[in-house]
Structures are given as structure tokens and as C-alpha cells.
N, C-alpha and C. Protein backbone atom coordinates (compact mmCIF):
# COMPACT_ATOMS: atom_id res chain seq x y z
N MET A 1 -127.84 -152.69 -62.41
CA MET A 1 -129.24 -152.33 -62.56
C MET A 1 -130.08 -153.60 -62.59
N LYS A 2 -131.12 -153.60 -61.80
CA LYS A 2 -132.01 -154.74 -61.69
C LYS A 2 -132.68 -155.07 -63.03
N GLU A 3 -132.98 -154.05 -63.84
CA GLU A 3 -133.66 -154.25 -65.13
C GLU A 3 -132.84 -155.10 -66.09
N LEU A 4 -131.52 -155.14 -65.92
CA LEU A 4 -130.65 -155.87 -66.85
C LEU A 4 -130.28 -157.27 -66.36
N GLU A 5 -130.83 -157.69 -65.22
CA GLU A 5 -130.47 -159.00 -64.67
C GLU A 5 -131.04 -160.17 -65.44
N ASN A 6 -132.22 -160.02 -66.02
CA ASN A 6 -132.91 -161.09 -66.72
C ASN A 6 -132.41 -161.16 -68.17
N GLN A 7 -131.24 -161.74 -68.36
CA GLN A 7 -130.56 -161.72 -69.65
C GLN A 7 -131.18 -162.68 -70.68
N PRO A 8 -131.05 -162.33 -71.97
CA PRO A 8 -131.51 -163.23 -73.03
C PRO A 8 -130.54 -164.40 -73.17
N GLU A 9 -130.89 -165.33 -74.04
CA GLU A 9 -129.99 -166.44 -74.35
C GLU A 9 -128.97 -165.94 -75.38
N TYR A 10 -127.69 -166.04 -75.05
CA TYR A 10 -126.63 -165.60 -75.95
C TYR A 10 -126.23 -166.76 -76.85
N LEU A 11 -126.40 -166.58 -78.16
CA LEU A 11 -126.01 -167.61 -79.12
C LEU A 11 -124.65 -167.27 -79.70
N THR A 12 -123.78 -168.29 -79.80
CA THR A 12 -122.51 -168.08 -80.48
C THR A 12 -122.80 -167.82 -81.95
N ALA A 13 -121.83 -167.31 -82.67
CA ALA A 13 -122.00 -167.07 -84.10
C ALA A 13 -122.34 -168.37 -84.83
N GLU A 14 -121.74 -169.46 -84.40
CA GLU A 14 -122.01 -170.76 -85.02
C GLU A 14 -123.46 -171.19 -84.78
N GLU A 15 -123.94 -171.05 -83.55
CA GLU A 15 -125.33 -171.40 -83.23
C GLU A 15 -126.30 -170.50 -83.99
N TRP A 16 -125.99 -169.21 -84.04
CA TRP A 16 -126.81 -168.23 -84.75
C TRP A 16 -126.91 -168.60 -86.23
N HIS A 17 -125.78 -168.87 -86.84
CA HIS A 17 -125.73 -169.22 -88.26
C HIS A 17 -126.58 -170.47 -88.52
N ARG A 18 -126.42 -171.47 -87.68
CA ARG A 18 -127.18 -172.72 -87.83
C ARG A 18 -128.69 -172.46 -87.72
N ASP A 19 -129.11 -171.72 -86.69
CA ASP A 19 -130.53 -171.44 -86.50
C ASP A 19 -131.12 -170.66 -87.67
N LEU A 20 -130.43 -169.63 -88.14
CA LEU A 20 -130.95 -168.84 -89.25
C LEU A 20 -131.02 -169.66 -90.53
N LYS A 21 -130.11 -170.57 -90.68
CA LYS A 21 -130.07 -171.40 -91.88
C LYS A 21 -131.13 -172.51 -91.85
N GLU A 22 -131.37 -173.09 -90.68
CA GLU A 22 -132.24 -174.26 -90.57
C GLU A 22 -133.69 -173.95 -90.23
N LYS A 23 -133.94 -172.95 -89.42
CA LYS A 23 -135.30 -172.67 -88.97
C LYS A 23 -136.04 -171.79 -89.97
N LYS A 24 -137.32 -172.05 -90.11
CA LYS A 24 -138.16 -171.26 -91.01
C LYS A 24 -138.95 -170.24 -90.18
N ASP A 25 -139.27 -169.14 -90.79
CA ASP A 25 -140.13 -168.12 -90.17
C ASP A 25 -139.61 -167.62 -88.83
N ILE A 26 -138.33 -167.31 -88.76
CA ILE A 26 -137.75 -166.75 -87.54
C ILE A 26 -138.18 -165.29 -87.41
N PHE A 27 -138.57 -164.91 -86.20
CA PHE A 27 -138.87 -163.52 -85.89
C PHE A 27 -137.55 -162.87 -85.52
N LEU A 28 -136.99 -162.09 -86.44
CA LEU A 28 -135.63 -161.57 -86.34
C LEU A 28 -135.63 -160.05 -86.37
N ILE A 29 -135.12 -159.44 -85.32
CA ILE A 29 -135.10 -157.98 -85.21
C ILE A 29 -133.68 -157.46 -85.28
N ASP A 30 -133.44 -156.52 -86.18
CA ASP A 30 -132.18 -155.80 -86.28
C ASP A 30 -132.29 -154.60 -85.35
N MET A 31 -131.54 -154.60 -84.25
CA MET A 31 -131.65 -153.54 -83.24
C MET A 31 -130.86 -152.28 -83.60
N ARG A 32 -130.24 -152.27 -84.76
CA ARG A 32 -129.46 -151.10 -85.16
C ARG A 32 -130.38 -150.05 -85.78
N ASN A 33 -129.85 -148.87 -86.06
CA ASN A 33 -130.68 -147.82 -86.66
C ASN A 33 -130.88 -148.06 -88.15
N ARG A 34 -131.73 -147.24 -88.76
CA ARG A 34 -132.09 -147.43 -90.18
C ARG A 34 -130.87 -147.33 -91.10
N TYR A 35 -129.95 -146.44 -90.80
CA TYR A 35 -128.77 -146.27 -91.65
C TYR A 35 -127.92 -147.55 -91.63
N GLU A 36 -127.70 -148.10 -90.44
CA GLU A 36 -126.91 -149.33 -90.33
C GLU A 36 -127.60 -150.48 -91.04
N TYR A 37 -128.91 -150.58 -90.87
CA TYR A 37 -129.68 -151.64 -91.53
C TYR A 37 -129.53 -151.53 -93.06
N ASN A 38 -129.62 -150.31 -93.56
CA ASN A 38 -129.54 -150.11 -95.01
C ASN A 38 -128.18 -150.48 -95.58
N LEU A 39 -127.14 -150.43 -94.76
CA LEU A 39 -125.80 -150.81 -95.22
C LEU A 39 -125.63 -152.32 -95.28
N GLY A 40 -126.45 -153.04 -94.53
CA GLY A 40 -126.39 -154.50 -94.54
C GLY A 40 -127.21 -155.09 -93.42
N HIS A 41 -127.77 -156.29 -93.65
CA HIS A 41 -128.59 -156.95 -92.64
C HIS A 41 -128.79 -158.41 -93.01
N PHE A 42 -129.27 -159.19 -92.04
CA PHE A 42 -129.62 -160.58 -92.31
C PHE A 42 -130.93 -160.60 -93.10
N THR A 43 -131.03 -161.52 -94.04
CA THR A 43 -132.25 -161.66 -94.82
C THR A 43 -133.44 -161.87 -93.89
N ASN A 44 -134.51 -161.19 -94.17
CA ASN A 44 -135.78 -161.24 -93.43
C ASN A 44 -135.72 -160.58 -92.05
N ALA A 45 -134.64 -159.86 -91.75
CA ALA A 45 -134.59 -159.11 -90.49
C ALA A 45 -135.56 -157.94 -90.55
N ILE A 46 -136.18 -157.66 -89.42
CA ILE A 46 -137.10 -156.54 -89.33
C ILE A 46 -136.30 -155.29 -88.98
N LYS A 47 -136.53 -154.26 -89.75
CA LYS A 47 -135.79 -153.00 -89.60
C LYS A 47 -136.39 -152.16 -88.47
N MET A 48 -135.54 -151.70 -87.58
CA MET A 48 -135.93 -150.72 -86.58
C MET A 48 -135.82 -149.37 -87.27
N ASP A 49 -136.90 -148.85 -87.76
CA ASP A 49 -136.88 -147.65 -88.58
C ASP A 49 -136.75 -146.41 -87.70
N VAL A 50 -135.58 -146.28 -87.08
CA VAL A 50 -135.31 -145.20 -86.13
C VAL A 50 -133.91 -144.63 -86.38
N ASP A 51 -133.67 -143.47 -85.82
CA ASP A 51 -132.36 -142.84 -85.90
C ASP A 51 -131.46 -143.23 -84.73
N THR A 52 -132.07 -143.48 -83.57
CA THR A 52 -131.30 -143.81 -82.37
C THR A 52 -131.89 -145.04 -81.67
N PHE A 53 -131.07 -145.69 -80.88
CA PHE A 53 -131.53 -146.85 -80.11
C PHE A 53 -132.64 -146.47 -79.15
N ARG A 54 -132.52 -145.31 -78.53
CA ARG A 54 -133.53 -144.85 -77.58
C ARG A 54 -134.91 -144.80 -78.24
N ASP A 55 -134.97 -144.34 -79.48
CA ASP A 55 -136.24 -144.29 -80.22
C ASP A 55 -136.80 -145.69 -80.47
N GLY A 56 -135.90 -146.67 -80.53
CA GLY A 56 -136.31 -148.03 -80.88
C GLY A 56 -137.05 -148.79 -79.80
N VAL A 57 -136.92 -148.37 -78.54
CA VAL A 57 -137.57 -149.10 -77.45
C VAL A 57 -139.09 -149.08 -77.62
N HIS A 58 -139.63 -147.92 -77.97
CA HIS A 58 -141.08 -147.82 -78.16
C HIS A 58 -141.53 -148.62 -79.38
N LEU A 59 -140.73 -148.60 -80.42
CA LEU A 59 -141.03 -149.38 -81.61
C LEU A 59 -140.96 -150.88 -81.30
N LEU A 60 -140.03 -151.27 -80.47
CA LEU A 60 -139.88 -152.67 -80.07
C LEU A 60 -141.16 -153.17 -79.40
N ASP A 61 -141.74 -152.35 -78.55
CA ASP A 61 -143.01 -152.72 -77.91
C ASP A 61 -144.09 -153.00 -78.95
N ASP A 62 -144.18 -152.15 -79.96
CA ASP A 62 -145.18 -152.34 -81.02
C ASP A 62 -144.91 -153.61 -81.83
N MET A 63 -143.63 -153.90 -82.08
CA MET A 63 -143.27 -155.06 -82.89
C MET A 63 -143.65 -156.38 -82.24
N VAL A 64 -143.59 -156.44 -80.93
CA VAL A 64 -143.81 -157.72 -80.24
C VAL A 64 -145.18 -157.83 -79.58
N LYS A 65 -145.97 -156.78 -79.60
CA LYS A 65 -147.22 -156.78 -78.82
C LYS A 65 -148.18 -157.90 -79.21
N ASP A 66 -148.20 -158.34 -80.47
CA ASP A 66 -149.10 -159.40 -80.90
C ASP A 66 -148.43 -160.77 -80.95
N ARG A 67 -147.22 -160.86 -80.46
CA ARG A 67 -146.46 -162.11 -80.46
C ARG A 67 -146.72 -162.90 -79.18
N SER A 68 -146.69 -164.20 -79.30
CA SER A 68 -146.82 -165.07 -78.14
C SER A 68 -145.59 -164.91 -77.25
N LYS A 69 -145.79 -164.95 -75.96
CA LYS A 69 -144.68 -164.83 -75.01
C LYS A 69 -143.79 -166.08 -75.07
N ASP A 70 -144.28 -167.16 -75.71
CA ASP A 70 -143.51 -168.40 -75.84
C ASP A 70 -142.75 -168.50 -77.16
N GLU A 71 -142.94 -167.54 -78.05
CA GLU A 71 -142.28 -167.56 -79.36
C GLU A 71 -140.83 -167.13 -79.24
N ASP A 72 -139.97 -167.73 -80.08
CA ASP A 72 -138.58 -167.30 -80.14
C ASP A 72 -138.49 -165.91 -80.75
N ILE A 73 -137.70 -165.05 -80.12
CA ILE A 73 -137.40 -163.73 -80.66
C ILE A 73 -135.88 -163.65 -80.79
N TYR A 74 -135.41 -163.48 -82.03
CA TYR A 74 -133.98 -163.34 -82.29
C TYR A 74 -133.69 -161.86 -82.51
N MET A 75 -132.56 -161.41 -81.98
CA MET A 75 -132.16 -160.02 -82.20
C MET A 75 -130.64 -159.92 -82.32
N TYR A 76 -130.21 -158.92 -83.06
CA TYR A 76 -128.78 -158.68 -83.22
C TYR A 76 -128.52 -157.20 -83.37
N CYS A 77 -127.26 -156.83 -83.13
CA CYS A 77 -126.80 -155.47 -83.34
C CYS A 77 -125.32 -155.56 -83.75
N THR A 78 -124.60 -154.48 -83.71
CA THR A 78 -123.23 -154.48 -84.20
C THR A 78 -122.28 -155.27 -83.31
N GLY A 79 -122.30 -155.00 -82.00
CA GLY A 79 -121.36 -155.67 -81.10
C GLY A 79 -122.02 -156.34 -79.92
N GLY A 80 -123.32 -156.23 -79.79
CA GLY A 80 -124.04 -156.88 -78.71
C GLY A 80 -124.51 -155.97 -77.60
N ILE A 81 -124.08 -154.72 -77.59
CA ILE A 81 -124.43 -153.80 -76.50
C ILE A 81 -125.93 -153.47 -76.50
N ARG A 82 -126.46 -153.07 -77.64
CA ARG A 82 -127.89 -152.70 -77.69
C ARG A 82 -128.78 -153.89 -77.35
N CYS A 83 -128.41 -155.08 -77.81
CA CYS A 83 -129.20 -156.28 -77.50
C CYS A 83 -129.09 -156.65 -76.03
N SER A 84 -127.97 -156.31 -75.40
CA SER A 84 -127.80 -156.58 -73.98
C SER A 84 -128.73 -155.72 -73.13
N VAL A 85 -129.27 -154.66 -73.72
CA VAL A 85 -130.27 -153.83 -73.05
C VAL A 85 -131.68 -154.25 -73.51
N ALA A 86 -131.87 -154.43 -74.81
CA ALA A 86 -133.19 -154.77 -75.35
C ALA A 86 -133.62 -156.18 -74.95
N GLY A 87 -132.69 -157.11 -74.86
CA GLY A 87 -133.02 -158.48 -74.48
C GLY A 87 -133.65 -158.57 -73.09
N PRO A 88 -132.99 -158.03 -72.05
CA PRO A 88 -133.61 -158.03 -70.72
C PRO A 88 -134.92 -157.25 -70.68
N TYR A 89 -135.02 -156.20 -71.48
CA TYR A 89 -136.26 -155.42 -71.56
C TYR A 89 -137.42 -156.33 -71.96
N LEU A 90 -137.20 -157.15 -73.01
CA LEU A 90 -138.25 -158.08 -73.45
C LEU A 90 -138.47 -159.20 -72.45
N LYS A 91 -137.39 -159.71 -71.87
CA LYS A 91 -137.52 -160.78 -70.87
C LYS A 91 -138.34 -160.28 -69.67
N ASN A 92 -138.11 -159.05 -69.26
CA ASN A 92 -138.85 -158.48 -68.13
C ASN A 92 -140.32 -158.25 -68.47
N LYS A 93 -140.65 -158.20 -69.74
CA LYS A 93 -142.05 -158.06 -70.19
C LYS A 93 -142.71 -159.43 -70.35
N GLY A 94 -141.96 -160.50 -70.04
CA GLY A 94 -142.56 -161.83 -70.05
C GLY A 94 -142.24 -162.69 -71.25
N TYR A 95 -141.46 -162.18 -72.21
CA TYR A 95 -141.08 -162.99 -73.37
C TYR A 95 -140.00 -163.98 -72.92
N LYS A 96 -140.28 -165.27 -73.10
CA LYS A 96 -139.45 -166.32 -72.50
C LYS A 96 -138.24 -166.71 -73.32
N HIS A 97 -138.32 -166.58 -74.64
CA HIS A 97 -137.28 -167.12 -75.51
C HIS A 97 -136.64 -166.01 -76.36
N VAL A 98 -135.95 -165.12 -75.70
CA VAL A 98 -135.25 -164.03 -76.38
C VAL A 98 -133.81 -164.48 -76.61
N LYS A 99 -133.40 -164.45 -77.87
CA LYS A 99 -132.06 -164.92 -78.24
C LYS A 99 -131.32 -163.82 -78.96
N MET A 100 -130.06 -163.67 -78.63
CA MET A 100 -129.26 -162.63 -79.29
C MET A 100 -127.93 -163.20 -79.75
N LEU A 101 -127.40 -162.57 -80.77
CA LEU A 101 -126.10 -162.95 -81.32
C LEU A 101 -125.00 -162.41 -80.42
N LYS A 102 -124.31 -163.30 -79.73
CA LYS A 102 -123.24 -162.89 -78.81
C LYS A 102 -122.11 -162.23 -79.60
N GLY A 103 -121.79 -161.00 -79.24
CA GLY A 103 -120.74 -160.26 -79.94
C GLY A 103 -121.23 -159.56 -81.20
N GLY A 104 -122.51 -159.72 -81.52
CA GLY A 104 -123.11 -159.04 -82.67
C GLY A 104 -122.53 -159.44 -84.01
N ILE A 105 -122.79 -158.60 -85.01
CA ILE A 105 -122.33 -158.93 -86.36
C ILE A 105 -120.81 -158.88 -86.47
N SER A 106 -120.16 -158.20 -85.53
CA SER A 106 -118.70 -158.20 -85.52
C SER A 106 -118.19 -159.62 -85.28
N ALA A 107 -118.77 -160.32 -84.29
CA ALA A 107 -118.38 -161.70 -84.00
C ALA A 107 -118.81 -162.63 -85.13
N TYR A 108 -119.97 -162.36 -85.73
CA TYR A 108 -120.44 -163.19 -86.83
C TYR A 108 -119.49 -163.10 -88.03
N GLY A 109 -119.04 -161.89 -88.33
CA GLY A 109 -118.10 -161.70 -89.43
C GLY A 109 -116.81 -162.46 -89.21
N GLN A 110 -116.33 -162.47 -87.97
CA GLN A 110 -115.11 -163.22 -87.63
C GLN A 110 -115.34 -164.72 -87.82
N TYR A 111 -116.51 -165.20 -87.40
CA TYR A 111 -116.86 -166.61 -87.56
C TYR A 111 -116.87 -167.01 -89.04
N ILE A 112 -117.47 -166.17 -89.87
CA ILE A 112 -117.56 -166.45 -91.31
C ILE A 112 -116.15 -166.51 -91.90
N LYS A 113 -115.32 -165.55 -91.53
CA LYS A 113 -113.96 -165.50 -92.04
C LYS A 113 -113.15 -166.73 -91.63
N GLU A 114 -113.23 -167.09 -90.36
CA GLU A 114 -112.45 -168.22 -89.84
C GLU A 114 -112.91 -169.57 -90.37
N ASN A 115 -114.20 -169.68 -90.71
CA ASN A 115 -114.75 -170.96 -91.14
C ASN A 115 -114.99 -171.03 -92.65
N ASN A 116 -114.65 -169.93 -93.34
CA ASN A 116 -114.77 -169.89 -94.80
C ASN A 116 -116.13 -170.42 -95.27
N THR A 117 -117.19 -169.89 -94.65
CA THR A 117 -118.54 -170.31 -94.98
C THR A 117 -119.33 -169.12 -95.53
N GLU A 118 -120.41 -169.39 -96.22
CA GLU A 118 -121.22 -168.33 -96.82
C GLU A 118 -121.96 -167.55 -95.75
N SER A 119 -121.85 -166.24 -95.80
CA SER A 119 -122.50 -165.37 -94.83
C SER A 119 -123.99 -165.26 -95.12
N LEU A 120 -124.77 -165.21 -94.07
CA LEU A 120 -126.20 -164.95 -94.20
C LEU A 120 -126.50 -163.47 -94.01
N PHE A 121 -125.46 -162.69 -93.72
CA PHE A 121 -125.57 -161.23 -93.58
C PHE A 121 -125.26 -160.62 -94.93
N LYS A 122 -126.20 -159.89 -95.48
CA LYS A 122 -126.04 -159.31 -96.82
C LYS A 122 -125.67 -157.84 -96.71
N VAL A 123 -124.64 -157.45 -97.44
CA VAL A 123 -124.09 -156.09 -97.38
C VAL A 123 -124.45 -155.33 -98.65
N ALA A 124 -124.74 -154.04 -98.48
CA ALA A 124 -125.01 -153.18 -99.63
C ALA A 124 -123.75 -153.05 -100.47
N ILE A 125 -123.93 -152.84 -101.74
CA ILE A 125 -122.81 -152.71 -102.68
C ILE A 125 -122.66 -151.24 -103.05
N ILE A 126 -121.43 -150.73 -102.94
CA ILE A 126 -121.18 -149.35 -103.37
C ILE A 126 -121.17 -149.34 -104.89
N SER A 127 -122.12 -148.62 -105.48
CA SER A 127 -122.21 -148.61 -106.93
C SER A 127 -121.42 -147.47 -107.55
N GLN A 128 -121.26 -146.37 -106.83
CA GLN A 128 -120.42 -145.28 -107.33
C GLN A 128 -120.23 -144.25 -106.23
N THR A 129 -119.25 -143.36 -106.42
CA THR A 129 -119.06 -142.25 -105.50
C THR A 129 -119.16 -140.95 -106.29
N VAL A 130 -119.64 -139.92 -105.62
CA VAL A 130 -119.73 -138.60 -106.23
C VAL A 130 -119.24 -137.57 -105.22
N LYS A 131 -118.76 -136.43 -105.72
CA LYS A 131 -118.31 -135.35 -104.86
C LYS A 131 -119.23 -134.15 -105.08
N ILE A 132 -119.85 -133.70 -103.98
CA ILE A 132 -120.76 -132.56 -104.06
C ILE A 132 -120.33 -131.56 -103.01
N GLN A 133 -119.95 -130.38 -103.44
CA GLN A 133 -119.50 -129.30 -102.56
C GLN A 133 -118.49 -129.79 -101.52
N GLY A 134 -117.49 -130.51 -101.97
CA GLY A 134 -116.39 -130.93 -101.11
C GLY A 134 -116.67 -132.16 -100.26
N VAL A 135 -117.86 -132.76 -100.39
CA VAL A 135 -118.19 -133.96 -99.62
C VAL A 135 -118.29 -135.14 -100.59
N ILE A 136 -117.59 -136.22 -100.25
CA ILE A 136 -117.68 -137.43 -101.06
C ILE A 136 -118.83 -138.28 -100.54
N TYR A 137 -119.69 -138.69 -101.47
CA TYR A 137 -120.83 -139.54 -101.12
C TYR A 137 -120.67 -140.89 -101.79
N CYS A 138 -121.07 -141.95 -101.06
CA CYS A 138 -121.14 -143.29 -101.65
C CYS A 138 -122.59 -143.56 -101.99
N LEU A 139 -122.84 -144.06 -103.17
CA LEU A 139 -124.18 -144.47 -103.56
C LEU A 139 -124.25 -145.98 -103.42
N PHE A 140 -125.13 -146.44 -102.57
CA PHE A 140 -125.26 -147.87 -102.31
C PHE A 140 -126.45 -148.42 -103.08
N ASN A 141 -126.22 -149.50 -103.77
CA ASN A 141 -127.29 -150.20 -104.44
C ASN A 141 -127.54 -151.47 -103.64
N ALA A 142 -128.43 -151.37 -102.63
CA ALA A 142 -128.69 -152.50 -101.74
C ALA A 142 -129.65 -153.48 -102.40
N THR A 143 -129.28 -154.74 -102.43
CA THR A 143 -130.17 -155.74 -102.99
C THR A 143 -130.34 -156.87 -102.00
N SER A 144 -131.57 -157.19 -101.72
CA SER A 144 -131.90 -158.31 -100.84
C SER A 144 -133.35 -158.68 -101.08
N VAL A 145 -133.79 -159.72 -100.44
CA VAL A 145 -135.18 -160.15 -100.58
C VAL A 145 -136.12 -159.08 -100.05
N VAL A 146 -135.73 -158.44 -98.94
CA VAL A 146 -136.60 -157.47 -98.29
C VAL A 146 -136.61 -156.14 -99.03
N GLN A 147 -135.46 -155.74 -99.52
CA GLN A 147 -135.33 -154.40 -100.07
C GLN A 147 -134.56 -154.48 -101.38
N ALA A 148 -135.26 -154.38 -102.48
CA ALA A 148 -134.62 -154.59 -103.77
C ALA A 148 -134.32 -153.26 -104.48
N LYS A 149 -133.07 -153.10 -104.89
CA LYS A 149 -132.62 -151.99 -105.71
C LYS A 149 -133.06 -150.62 -105.20
N VAL A 150 -132.71 -150.33 -103.96
CA VAL A 150 -132.98 -149.02 -103.37
C VAL A 150 -131.67 -148.26 -103.32
N LEU A 151 -131.67 -147.03 -103.72
CA LEU A 151 -130.44 -146.23 -103.73
C LEU A 151 -130.33 -145.47 -102.42
N HIS A 152 -129.20 -145.63 -101.73
CA HIS A 152 -128.95 -144.95 -100.48
C HIS A 152 -127.74 -144.03 -100.64
N VAL A 153 -127.82 -142.84 -100.11
CA VAL A 153 -126.72 -141.90 -100.20
C VAL A 153 -126.21 -141.64 -98.78
N ALA A 154 -124.90 -141.78 -98.61
CA ALA A 154 -124.31 -141.58 -97.28
C ALA A 154 -123.01 -140.79 -97.41
N PRO A 155 -122.91 -139.65 -96.69
CA PRO A 155 -121.65 -138.91 -96.72
C PRO A 155 -120.59 -139.71 -95.96
N ILE A 156 -119.37 -139.77 -96.53
CA ILE A 156 -118.33 -140.51 -95.84
C ILE A 156 -117.08 -139.68 -95.53
N VAL A 157 -116.76 -138.72 -96.35
CA VAL A 157 -115.54 -137.94 -96.11
C VAL A 157 -115.79 -136.48 -96.46
N LYS A 158 -115.42 -135.59 -95.57
CA LYS A 158 -115.47 -134.16 -95.85
C LYS A 158 -114.07 -133.72 -96.25
N MET A 159 -113.93 -133.11 -97.41
CA MET A 159 -112.61 -132.72 -97.90
C MET A 159 -112.38 -131.23 -97.74
């Protein structure tokens, strides 16, 4: 597809980690849905408050409309697939410096593990589980700079 030819700059997990650690005021978009974001995200990442990736394209337009076409735009997702679509979308709209985490947070997690370094990706903490009508729910107590002490309920197992 011609729309996907104008690819973003793919950053290795090491380059991504360095940029997020060293640069101030990064415009960082989490391309995952709201549920995935609530389970964990990079500090100061902007939440795509959507249920599906398809819904996020219109929101993405709104998020960048007042941004300079010369500004760096960082984006990430779970494995890189969604960013491989969203990155060219922004590049085709004239944004020159679109950067994405190659391999997504899956690759980043591997990098952190292999290098025994502190992760910049913050994960929600399961505070307790409850069983309601045969469904086990995890209660997440997510704490971060962006979202402090919000309780999230997610069904995980049907018994």
C-alpha cells in the first residue's frame, strides 16, 4: 500500500530509553487502547482514549493539529504494528520527525531485562482480586505522575 511507504524513524529500545530519559517535554503518544494504557504506560504518555485502534485515527488528527510539522512525535504500542500504520499516516500529513519504538513495549521489556536497567514504563499494581458471579476480577491500583490512585476493574478469568 502506497500509504504505508513513508515510514517513521524506528528507534531501538536502547535509543528510545535514552531519548525518554534525556529529553525534556517529549510529545509521546501511546497508540494502544484505554484499557492497555491503564494497565501500564510510559510517564507523560498521552492516552488514546479509545476502545479500538480504528477509533484512534481521528483522535490522532486532533492531538497533532496544533503541533509544528518540525516537532518530534514519539509513539509506541505493544509490538509495533499499530505504530507502523499510524507513523506513515502522520508522515503523509507532513510531520517530518515521527519516531516509534521498534518492536513496541515487548522489545523494550526485553531490553530492560537484558540490561538490568530501570524501566521508564510504569505498570499498574494488582491490589486485590474478587470473584463476582463466577468471574474473577483484578483490581488495579495504578499510580503514576499522570494518573494517581485510580481503581481499574478488569475481568480476567471466567470460571
